[in-house]
Amino acid sequence: MEKLTAWINGGRGRLTEVAKACRITHSAVSQWDRVPSDHVRTVEKVTGISRVELRPDLYGELEEASR
């Protein structure tokens, strides 16, 4: 979540960009403790942050398989 927070704070309108892509309010995005599983791929596409980094608990096996 740290990378996503840094990305969002790195430019004006980024929180809204993520929210629009996920079709939710910016308030909902700002309340995330972690990216919900149903939004991981969308957030990955918008931010360029890999799903492994966004949710290692769900996609950590992808990282291990690539080694």
Protein backbone atom coordinates (compact mmCIF):
# COMPACT_ATOMS: atom_id res chain seq x y z
CA MET A 1 0.00 0.00 0.00
CA GLU A 2 2.97 2.32 0.55
CA LYS A 3 3.76 2.40 -3.17
CA LEU A 4 0.15 3.19 -4.04
CA THR A 5 0.02 5.95 -1.44
CA ALA A 6 3.25 7.43 -2.80
CA TRP A 7 1.91 7.23 -6.37
CA ILE A 8 -1.36 8.93 -5.38
CA ASN A 9 0.50 11.66 -3.48
CA GLY A 10 2.88 12.16 -6.41
CA GLY A 11 0.50 14.19 -8.52
CA ARG A 12 -2.69 16.15 -8.50
CA GLY A 13 -5.82 14.21 -9.45
CA ARG A 14 -4.35 10.75 -9.06
CA LEU A 15 -6.75 9.69 -6.32
CA THR A 16 -9.65 10.65 -8.57
CA GLU A 17 -8.02 8.83 -11.49
CA VAL A 18 -7.91 5.58 -9.51
CA ALA A 19 -11.45 6.10 -8.24
CA LYS A 20 -12.85 6.72 -11.73
CA ALA A 21 -11.08 3.68 -13.15
CA CYS A 22 -12.52 1.53 -10.35
CA ARG A 23 -15.94 3.21 -10.68
CA ILE A 24 -16.06 4.17 -7.02
CA THR A 25 -15.79 7.42 -5.09
CA HIS A 26 -12.47 8.98 -4.21
CA SER A 27 -13.56 8.76 -0.57
CA ALA A 28 -13.77 4.97 -0.89
CA VAL A 29 -10.23 4.82 -2.29
CA SER A 30 -8.89 7.03 0.50
CA GLN A 31 -10.33 4.61 3.08
CA TRP A 32 -8.51 1.56 1.72
CA ASP A 33 -6.07 -0.13 4.10
CA ARG A 34 -5.22 -2.38 1.17
CA VAL A 35 -6.51 -2.61 -2.38
CA PRO A 36 -9.64 -4.77 -2.51
CA SER A 37 -9.12 -7.91 -4.57
CA ASP A 38 -11.74 -6.89 -7.13
CA HIS A 39 -9.83 -3.66 -7.89
CA VAL A 40 -6.24 -4.93 -7.99
CA ARG A 41 -5.99 -5.37 -11.76
CA THR A 42 -7.56 -1.99 -12.46
CA VAL A 43 -5.23 -0.24 -10.02
CA GLU A 44 -2.27 -2.08 -11.56
CA LYS A 45 -3.27 -0.85 -15.02
CA VAL A 46 -3.75 2.77 -13.91
CA THR A 47 -0.67 3.09 -11.70
CA GLY A 48 1.82 0.67 -13.21
CA ILE A 49 2.35 -0.86 -9.76
CA SER A 50 2.34 -4.64 -10.09
CA ARG A 51 -0.39 -6.71 -8.49
CA VAL A 52 2.33 -8.59 -6.60
CA GLU A 53 3.34 -5.33 -4.91
CA LEU A 54 -0.25 -4.23 -4.36
CA ARG A 55 -1.44 -7.51 -2.82
CA PRO A 56 1.42 -9.94 -2.08
CA ASP A 57 -0.99 -11.98 0.03
CA LEU A 58 -2.98 -12.79 -3.13
CA TYR A 59 -0.33 -12.67 -5.85
CA GLY A 60 2.88 -13.55 -3.99
CA GLU A 61 2.94 -16.92 -5.72
CA LEU A 62 3.43 -15.11 -9.06
CA GLU A 63 6.65 -13.59 -7.76
CA GLU A 64 7.87 -16.95 -6.45
CA ALA A 65 7.04 -18.68 -9.74
CA SER A 66 9.07 -16.15 -11.73
CA ARG A 67 12.27 -16.91 -9.79
